[in-house]
Amino acid sequence: MVTIESLIRDLVVPLVHNPDAVQITRREEERFMVFDLTIDAHDVGAVIGHGGQVIRAIRTVVYAAKSPYSKRVRLNVVDA
């Protein structure tokens, strides 16, 4: 079974120049299971994309994936 963390990692790592800097942390909020994606500052543009198109596509895939959590999933990008 593919986890949300591994799905995010599989989508992001091919886009970045420094894959060792990719970190995903999970935290639970009242209504959401939040995944914070930390990447190298130089890779933010590649992950966000022109006008946010890349991160929107990543979020679409992540939000559509079957989740073991009873809460909705959220993905935040944090630059290191």
PDB file of N, CA and C in Angstrom:
ATOM      1  N   MET A   1       0.848  -1.193   0.000  1.00  0.00           N
ATOM      2  CA  MET A   1       0.000   0.000   0.000  1.00  0.00           C
ATOM      3  C   MET A   1       0.889   1.251   0.000  1.00  0.00           C
ATOM      4  N   VAL A   2       0.582   2.165  -0.865  1.00  0.00           N
ATOM      5  CA  VAL A   2       1.338   3.406  -0.978  1.00  0.00           C
ATOM      6  C   VAL A   2       0.826   4.391   0.070  1.00  0.00           C
ATOM      7  N   THR A   3       1.750   4.972   0.829  1.00  0.00           N
ATOM      8  CA  THR A   3       1.358   5.967   1.823  1.00  0.00           C
ATOM      9  C   THR A   3       1.327   7.344   1.177  1.00  0.00           C
ATOM     10  N   ILE A   4       0.667   8.260   1.832  1.00  0.00           N
ATOM     11  CA  ILE A   4       0.613   9.634   1.340  1.00  0.00           C
ATOM     12  C   ILE A   4       2.019  10.224   1.292  1.00  0.00           C
ATOM     13  N   GLU A   5       2.832   9.949   2.320  1.00  0.00           N
ATOM     14  CA  GLU A   5       4.201  10.463   2.357  1.00  0.00           C
ATOM     15  C   GLU A   5       5.009   9.965   1.164  1.00  0.00           C
ATOM     16  N   SER A   6       4.905   8.677   0.865  1.00  0.00           N
ATOM     17  CA  SER A   6       5.679   8.137  -0.252  1.00  0.00           C
ATOM     18  C   SER A   6       5.158   8.655  -1.592  1.00  0.00           C
ATOM     19  N   LEU A   7       3.867   8.870  -1.699  1.00  0.00           N
ATOM     20  CA  LEU A   7       3.297   9.441  -2.919  1.00  0.00           C
ATOM     21  C   LEU A   7       3.853  10.846  -3.144  1.00  0.00           C
ATOM     22  N   ILE A   8       3.850  11.672  -2.103  1.00  0.00           N
ATOM     23  CA  ILE A   8       4.384  13.031  -2.218  1.00  0.00           C
ATOM     24  C   ILE A   8       5.859  12.971  -2.618  1.00  0.00           C
ATOM     25  N   ARG A   9       6.621  12.116  -1.950  1.00  0.00           N
ATOM     26  CA  ARG A   9       8.051  11.985  -2.253  1.00  0.00           C
ATOM     27  C   ARG A   9       8.265  11.550  -3.707  1.00  0.00           C
ATOM     28  N   ASP A  10       7.487  10.580  -4.170  1.00  0.00           N
ATOM     29  CA  ASP A  10       7.619  10.092  -5.545  1.00  0.00           C
ATOM     30  C   ASP A  10       7.301  11.177  -6.576  1.00  0.00           C
ATOM     31  N   LEU A  11       6.406  12.088  -6.250  1.00  0.00           N
ATOM     32  CA  LEU A  11       6.046  13.163  -7.169  1.00  0.00           C
ATOM     33  C   LEU A  11       7.055  14.312  -7.139  1.00  0.00           C
ATOM     34  N   VAL A  12       7.667  14.572  -5.984  1.00  0.00           N
ATOM     35  CA  VAL A  12       8.518  15.751  -5.812  1.00  0.00           C
ATOM     36  C   VAL A  12       9.984  15.489  -6.153  1.00  0.00           C
ATOM     37  N   VAL A  13      10.520  14.354  -5.738  1.00  0.00           N
ATOM     38  CA  VAL A  13      11.959  14.094  -5.894  1.00  0.00           C
ATOM     39  C   VAL A  13      12.437  14.247  -7.345  1.00  0.00           C
ATOM     40  N   PRO A  14      11.719  13.778  -8.354  1.00  0.00           N
ATOM     41  CA  PRO A  14      12.214  13.971  -9.727  1.00  0.00           C
ATOM     42  C   PRO A  14      12.282  15.436 -10.172  1.00  0.00           C
ATOM     43  N   LEU A  15      11.618  16.325  -9.459  1.00  0.00           N
ATOM     44  CA  LEU A  15      11.581  17.738  -9.851  1.00  0.00           C
ATOM     45  C   LEU A  15      12.721  18.559  -9.272  1.00  0.00           C
ATOM     46  N   VAL A  16      13.356  18.081  -8.212  1.00  0.00           N
ATOM     47  CA  VAL A  16      14.321  18.897  -7.476  1.00  0.00           C
ATOM     48  C   VAL A  16      15.762  18.512  -7.808  1.00  0.00           C
ATOM     49  N   HIS A  17      16.669  19.469  -7.589  1.00  0.00           N
ATOM     50  CA  HIS A  17      18.103  19.229  -7.795  1.00  0.00           C
ATOM     51  C   HIS A  17      18.754  18.621  -6.559  1.00  0.00           C
ATOM     52  N   ASN A  18      18.154  18.833  -5.407  1.00  0.00           N
ATOM     53  CA  ASN A  18      18.711  18.340  -4.151  1.00  0.00           C
ATOM     54  C   ASN A  18      17.680  17.431  -3.465  1.00  0.00           C
ATOM     55  N   PRO A  19      17.567  16.181  -3.908  1.00  0.00           N
ATOM     56  CA  PRO A  19      16.545  15.289  -3.343  1.00  0.00           C
ATOM     57  C   PRO A  19      16.784  14.920  -1.880  1.00  0.00           C
ATOM     58  N   ASP A  20      18.023  15.051  -1.411  1.00  0.00           N
ATOM     59  CA  ASP A  20      18.311  14.749  -0.006  1.00  0.00           C
ATOM     60  C   ASP A  20      17.686  15.768   0.941  1.00  0.00           C
ATOM     61  N   ALA A  21      17.353  16.937   0.434  1.00  0.00           N
ATOM     62  CA  ALA A  21      16.768  17.986   1.264  1.00  0.00           C
ATOM     63  C   ALA A  21      15.252  17.861   1.392  1.00  0.00           C
ATOM     64  N   VAL A  22      14.653  16.943   0.654  1.00  0.00           N
ATOM     65  CA  VAL A  22      13.192  16.775   0.703  1.00  0.00           C
ATOM     66  C   VAL A  22      12.812  16.078   2.008  1.00  0.00           C
ATOM     67  N   GLN A  23      11.994  16.752   2.792  1.00  0.00           N
ATOM     68  CA  GLN A  23      11.496  16.191   4.050  1.00  0.00           C
ATOM     69  C   GLN A  23       9.983  16.382   4.100  1.00  0.00           C
ATOM     70  N   ILE A  24       9.314  15.364   4.598  1.00  0.00           N
ATOM     71  CA  ILE A  24       7.860  15.424   4.718  1.00  0.00           C
ATOM     72  C   ILE A  24       7.500  15.122   6.162  1.00  0.00           C
ATOM     73  N   THR A  25       6.825  16.057   6.788  1.00  0.00           N
ATOM     74  CA  THR A  25       6.376  15.857   8.161  1.00  0.00           C
ATOM     75  C   THR A  25       4.857  15.902   8.182  1.00  0.00           C
ATOM     76  N   ARG A  26       4.297  15.090   9.061  1.00  0.00           N
ATOM     77  CA  ARG A  26       2.844  14.984   9.164  1.00  0.00           C
ATOM     78  C   ARG A  26       2.415  15.537  10.514  1.00  0.00           C
ATOM     79  N   ARG A  27       1.337  16.298  10.490  1.00  0.00           N
ATOM     80  CA  ARG A  27       0.756  16.781  11.743  1.00  0.00           C
ATOM     81  C   ARG A  27      -0.751  16.776  11.600  1.00  0.00           C
ATOM     82  N   GLU A  28      -1.400  16.579  12.713  1.00  0.00           N
ATOM     83  CA  GLU A  28      -2.853  16.480  12.706  1.00  0.00           C
ATOM     84  C   GLU A  28      -3.464  17.759  13.249  1.00  0.00           C
ATOM     85  N   GLU A  29      -4.430  18.275  12.516  1.00  0.00           N
ATOM     86  CA  GLU A  29      -5.200  19.421  12.965  1.00  0.00           C
ATOM     87  C   GLU A  29      -6.636  18.965  13.176  1.00  0.00           C
ATOM     88  N   GLU A  30      -7.470  19.871  13.615  1.00  0.00           N
ATOM     89  CA  GLU A  30      -8.848  19.508  13.926  1.00  0.00           C
ATOM     90  C   GLU A  30      -9.575  18.880  12.739  1.00  0.00           C
ATOM     91  N   ARG A  31      -9.443  19.492  11.558  1.00  0.00           N
ATOM     92  CA  ARG A  31     -10.175  19.007  10.392  1.00  0.00           C
ATOM     93  C   ARG A  31      -9.299  18.360   9.328  1.00  0.00           C
ATOM     94  N   PHE A  32      -7.973  18.504   9.442  1.00  0.00           N
ATOM     95  CA  PHE A  32      -7.088  18.052   8.373  1.00  0.00           C
ATOM     96  C   PHE A  32      -5.910  17.247   8.909  1.00  0.00           C
ATOM     97  N   MET A  33      -5.393  16.380   8.054  1.00  0.00           N
ATOM     98  CA  MET A  33      -4.098  15.756   8.251  1.00  0.00           C
ATOM     99  C   MET A  33      -3.168  16.543   7.328  1.00  0.00           C
ATOM    100  N   VAL A  34      -2.248  17.300   7.916  1.00  0.00           N
ATOM    101  CA  VAL A  34      -1.423  18.233   7.156  1.00  0.00           C
ATOM    102  C   VAL A  34      -0.042  17.627   6.922  1.00  0.00           C
ATOM    103  N   PHE A  35       0.412  17.691   5.684  1.00  0.00           N
ATOM    104  CA  PHE A  35       1.747  17.239   5.322  1.00  0.00           C
ATOM    105  C   PHE A  35       2.548  18.472   4.914  1.00  0.00           C
ATOM    106  N   ASP A  36       3.627  18.728   5.657  1.00  0.00           N
ATOM    107  CA  ASP A  36       4.503  19.854   5.357  1.00  0.00           C
ATOM    108  C   ASP A  36       5.676  19.333   4.549  1.00  0.00           C
ATOM    109  N   LEU A  37       5.826  19.850   3.351  1.00  0.00           N
ATOM    110  CA  LEU A  37       6.901  19.467   2.447  1.00  0.00           C
ATOM    111  C   LEU A  37       7.996  20.507   2.554  1.00  0.00           C
ATOM    112  N   THR A  38       9.158  20.108   3.063  1.00  0.00           N
ATOM    113  CA  THR A  38      10.297  21.002   3.190  1.00  0.00           C
ATOM    114  C   THR A  38      11.289  20.666   2.091  1.00  0.00           C
ATOM    115  N   ILE A  39      11.665  21.677   1.320  1.00  0.00           N
ATOM    116  CA  ILE A  39      12.609  21.488   0.228  1.00  0.00           C
ATOM    117  C   ILE A  39      13.670  22.572   0.284  1.00  0.00           C
ATOM    118  N   ASP A  40      14.745  22.365  -0.448  1.00  0.00           N
ATOM    119  CA  ASP A  40      15.816  23.350  -0.545  1.00  0.00           C
ATOM    120  C   ASP A  40      15.259  24.624  -1.180  1.00  0.00           C
ATOM    121  N   ALA A  41      15.759  25.764  -0.724  1.00  0.00           N
ATOM    122  CA  ALA A  41      15.274  27.055  -1.224  1.00  0.00           C
ATOM    123  C   ALA A  41      15.466  27.188  -2.734  1.00  0.00           C
ATOM    124  N   HIS A  42      16.494  26.565  -3.280  1.00  0.00           N
ATOM    125  CA  HIS A  42      16.750  26.655  -4.720  1.00  0.00           C
ATOM    126  C   HIS A  42      15.773  25.814  -5.541  1.00  0.00           C
ATOM    127  N   ASP A  43      15.068  24.908  -4.914  1.00  0.00           N
ATOM    128  CA  ASP A  43      14.141  24.030  -5.617  1.00  0.00           C
ATOM    129  C   ASP A  43      12.683  24.471  -5.531  1.00  0.00           C
ATOM    130  N   VAL A  44      12.430  25.545  -4.820  1.00  0.00           N
ATOM    131  CA  VAL A  44      11.045  25.991  -4.629  1.00  0.00           C
ATOM    132  C   VAL A  44      10.379  26.302  -5.962  1.00  0.00           C
ATOM    133  N   GLY A  45      11.082  26.973  -6.842  1.00  0.00           N
ATOM    134  CA  GLY A  45      10.511  27.333  -8.138  1.00  0.00           C
ATOM    135  C   GLY A  45      10.110  26.121  -8.965  1.00  0.00           C
ATOM    136  N   ALA A  46      10.919  25.078  -8.908  1.00  0.00           N
ATOM    137  CA  ALA A  46      10.619  23.867  -9.680  1.00  0.00           C
ATOM    138  C   ALA A  46       9.385  23.157  -9.138  1.00  0.00           C
ATOM    139  N   VAL A  47       9.204  23.189  -7.830  1.00  0.00           N
ATOM    140  CA  VAL A  47       8.061  22.501  -7.219  1.00  0.00           C
ATOM    141  C   VAL A  47       6.786  23.336  -7.343  1.00  0.00           C
ATOM    142  N   ILE A  48       6.910  24.642  -7.221  1.00  0.00           N
ATOM    143  CA  ILE A  48       5.743  25.515  -7.345  1.00  0.00           C
ATOM    144  C   ILE A  48       5.311  25.618  -8.807  1.00  0.00           C
ATOM    145  N   GLY A  49       6.280  25.831  -9.697  1.00  0.00           N
ATOM    146  CA  GLY A  49       5.977  25.955 -11.119  1.00  0.00           C
ATOM    147  C   GLY A  49       5.479  27.334 -11.483  1.00  0.00           C
ATOM    148  N   HIS A  50       5.399  27.583 -12.765  1.00  0.00           N
ATOM    149  CA  HIS A  50       4.942  28.878 -13.270  1.00  0.00           C
ATOM    150  C   HIS A  50       3.479  29.088 -12.905  1.00  0.00           C
ATOM    151  N   GLY A  51       3.225  30.096 -12.110  1.00  0.00           N
ATOM    152  CA  GLY A  51       1.850  30.384 -11.704  1.00  0.00           C
ATOM    153  C   GLY A  51       1.257  29.350 -10.760  1.00  0.00           C
ATOM    154  N   GLY A  52       2.112  28.493 -10.193  1.00  0.00           N
ATOM    155  CA  GLY A  52       1.625  27.492  -9.256  1.00  0.00           C
ATOM    156  C   GLY A  52       1.059  26.249  -9.914  1.00  0.00           C
ATOM    157  N   GLN A  53       1.310  26.063 -11.206  1.00  0.00           N
ATOM    158  CA  GLN A  53       0.718  24.934 -11.927  1.00  0.00           C
ATOM    159  C   GLN A  53       1.219  23.583 -11.433  1.00  0.00           C
ATOM    160  N   VAL A  54       2.510  23.482 -11.125  1.00  0.00           N
ATOM    161  CA  VAL A  54       3.074  22.190 -10.718  1.00  0.00           C
ATOM    162  C   VAL A  54       2.537  21.776  -9.349  1.00  0.00           C
ATOM    163  N   ILE A  55       2.559  22.687  -8.388  1.00  0.00           N
ATOM    164  CA  ILE A  55       2.090  22.323  -7.045  1.00  0.00           C
ATOM    165  C   ILE A  55       0.593  22.042  -7.062  1.00  0.00           C
ATOM    166  N   ARG A  56      -0.158  22.728  -7.910  1.00  0.00           N
ATOM    167  CA  ARG A  56      -1.592  22.425  -8.032  1.00  0.00           C
ATOM    168  C   ARG A  56      -1.807  21.012  -8.551  1.00  0.00           C
ATOM    169  N   ALA A  57      -1.004  20.604  -9.521  1.00  0.00           N
ATOM    170  CA  ALA A  57      -1.114  19.251 -10.066  1.00  0.00           C
ATOM    171  C   ALA A  57      -0.729  18.212  -9.017  1.00  0.00           C
ATOM    172  N   ILE A  58       0.332  18.478  -8.263  1.00  0.00           N
ATOM    173  CA  ILE A  58       0.757  17.557  -7.196  1.00  0.00           C
ATOM    174  C   ILE A  58      -0.353  17.443  -6.158  1.00  0.00           C
ATOM    175  N   ARG A  59      -0.914  18.568  -5.749  1.00  0.00           N
ATOM    176  CA  ARG A  59      -1.994  18.544  -4.747  1.00  0.00           C
ATOM    177  C   ARG A  59      -3.207  17.790  -5.266  1.00  0.00           C
ATOM    178  N   THR A  60      -3.538  17.947  -6.531  1.00  0.00           N
ATOM    179  CA  THR A  60      -4.673  17.235  -7.107  1.00  0.00           C
ATOM    180  C   THR A  60      -4.489  15.735  -6.987  1.00  0.00           C
ATOM    181  N   VAL A  61      -3.300  15.255  -7.307  1.00  0.00           N
ATOM    182  CA  VAL A  61      -3.017  13.821  -7.218  1.00  0.00           C
ATOM    183  C   VAL A  61      -3.060  13.356  -5.766  1.00  0.00           C
ATOM    184  N   VAL A  62      -2.422  14.121  -4.879  1.00  0.00           N
ATOM    185  CA  VAL A  62      -2.368  13.742  -3.460  1.00  0.00           C
ATOM    186  C   VAL A  62      -3.766  13.748  -2.845  1.00  0.00           C
ATOM    187  N   TYR A  63      -4.558  14.761  -3.135  1.00  0.00           N
ATOM    188  CA  TYR A  63      -5.894  14.856  -2.548  1.00  0.00           C
ATOM    189  C   TYR A  63      -6.825  13.774  -3.101  1.00  0.00           C
ATOM    190  N   ALA A  64      -6.576  13.317  -4.314  1.00  0.00           N
ATOM    191  CA  ALA A  64      -7.424  12.301  -4.923  1.00  0.00           C
ATOM    192  C   ALA A  64      -7.051  10.885  -4.487  1.00  0.00           C
ATOM    193  N   ALA A  65      -5.864  10.719  -3.939  1.00  0.00           N
ATOM    194  CA  ALA A  65      -5.411   9.384  -3.532  1.00  0.00           C
ATOM    195  C   ALA A  65      -6.219   8.893  -2.335  1.00  0.00           C
ATOM    196  N   LYS A  66      -6.403   7.596  -2.282  1.00  0.00           N
ATOM    197  CA  LYS A  66      -7.110   6.997  -1.152  1.00  0.00           C
ATOM    198  C   LYS A  66      -6.264   7.190   0.101  1.00  0.00           C
ATOM    199  N   SER A  67      -6.859   7.738   1.120  1.00  0.00           N
ATOM    200  CA  SER A  67      -6.144   8.060   2.344  1.00  0.00           C
ATOM    201  C   SER A  67      -6.632   7.186   3.498  1.00  0.00           C
ATOM    202  N   PRO A  68      -5.719   6.720   4.325  1.00  0.00           N
ATOM    203  CA  PRO A  68      -6.132   5.938   5.491  1.00  0.00           C
ATOM    204  C   PRO A  68      -6.653   6.812   6.637  1.00  0.00           C
ATOM    205  N   TYR A  69      -6.592   8.121   6.452  1.00  0.00           N
ATOM    206  CA  TYR A  69      -6.997   9.045   7.509  1.00  0.00           C
ATOM    207  C   TYR A  69      -8.469   9.390   7.376  1.00  0.00           C
ATOM    208  N   SER A  70      -9.114   9.617   8.498  1.00  0.00           N
ATOM    209  CA  SER A  70     -10.524   9.991   8.470  1.00  0.00           C
ATOM    210  C   SER A  70     -10.709  11.474   8.173  1.00  0.00           C
ATOM    211  N   LYS A  71      -9.597  12.211   8.150  1.00  0.00           N
ATOM    212  CA  LYS A  71      -9.636  13.648   7.883  1.00  0.00           C
ATOM    213  C   LYS A  71      -9.147  13.923   6.469  1.00  0.00           C
ATOM    214  N   ARG A  72      -9.463  15.108   5.980  1.00  0.00           N
ATOM    215  CA  ARG A  72      -8.977  15.516   4.673  1.00  0.00           C
ATOM    216  C   ARG A  72      -7.480  15.790   4.740  1.00  0.00           C
ATOM    217  N   VAL A  73      -6.817  15.596   3.627  1.00  0.00           N
ATOM    218  CA  VAL A  73      -5.368  15.772   3.544  1.00  0.00           C
ATOM    219  C   VAL A  73      -5.060  17.156   2.991  1.00  0.00           C
ATOM    220  N   ARG A  74      -4.047  17.801   3.554  1.00  0.00           N
ATOM    221  CA  ARG A  74      -3.555  19.089   3.069  1.00  0.00           C
ATOM    222  C   ARG A  74      -2.062  18.981   2.827  1.00  0.00           C
ATOM    223  N   LEU A  75      -1.540  19.677   1.827  1.00  0.00           N
ATOM    224  CA  LEU A  75      -0.118  19.699   1.511  1.00  0.00           C
ATOM    225  C   LEU A  75       0.365  21.135   1.504  1.00  0.00           C
ATOM    226  N   ASN A  76       1.357  21.419   2.348  1.00  0.00           N
ATOM    227  CA  ASN A  76       1.975  22.736   2.419  1.00  0.00           C
ATOM    228  C   ASN A  76       3.423  22.624   1.969  1.00  0.00           C
ATOM    229  N   VAL A  77       3.926  23.649   1.274  1.00  0.00           N
ATOM    230  CA  VAL A  77       5.320  23.698   0.864  1.00  0.00           C
ATOM    231  C   VAL A  77       6.050  24.685   1.764  1.00  0.00           C
ATOM    232  N   VAL A  78       7.151  24.209   2.369  1.00  0.00           N
ATOM    233  CA  VAL A  78       7.968  25.039   3.249  1.00  0.00           C
ATOM    234  C   VAL A  78       9.373  25.034   2.687  1.00  0.00           C
ATOM    235  N   ASP A  79       9.935  26.211   2.382  1.00  0.00           N
ATOM    236  CA  ASP A  79      11.313  26.212   1.888  1.00  0.00           C
ATOM    237  C   ASP A  79      12.270  26.293   3.070  1.00  0.00           C
ATOM    238  N   ALA A  80      13.387  25.592   2.938  1.00  0.00           N
ATOM    239  CA  ALA A  80      14.355  25.495   4.042  1.00  0.00           C
ATOM    240  C   ALA A  80      15.158  26.760   4.189  1.00  0.00           C
TER     241      ALA A  80
END
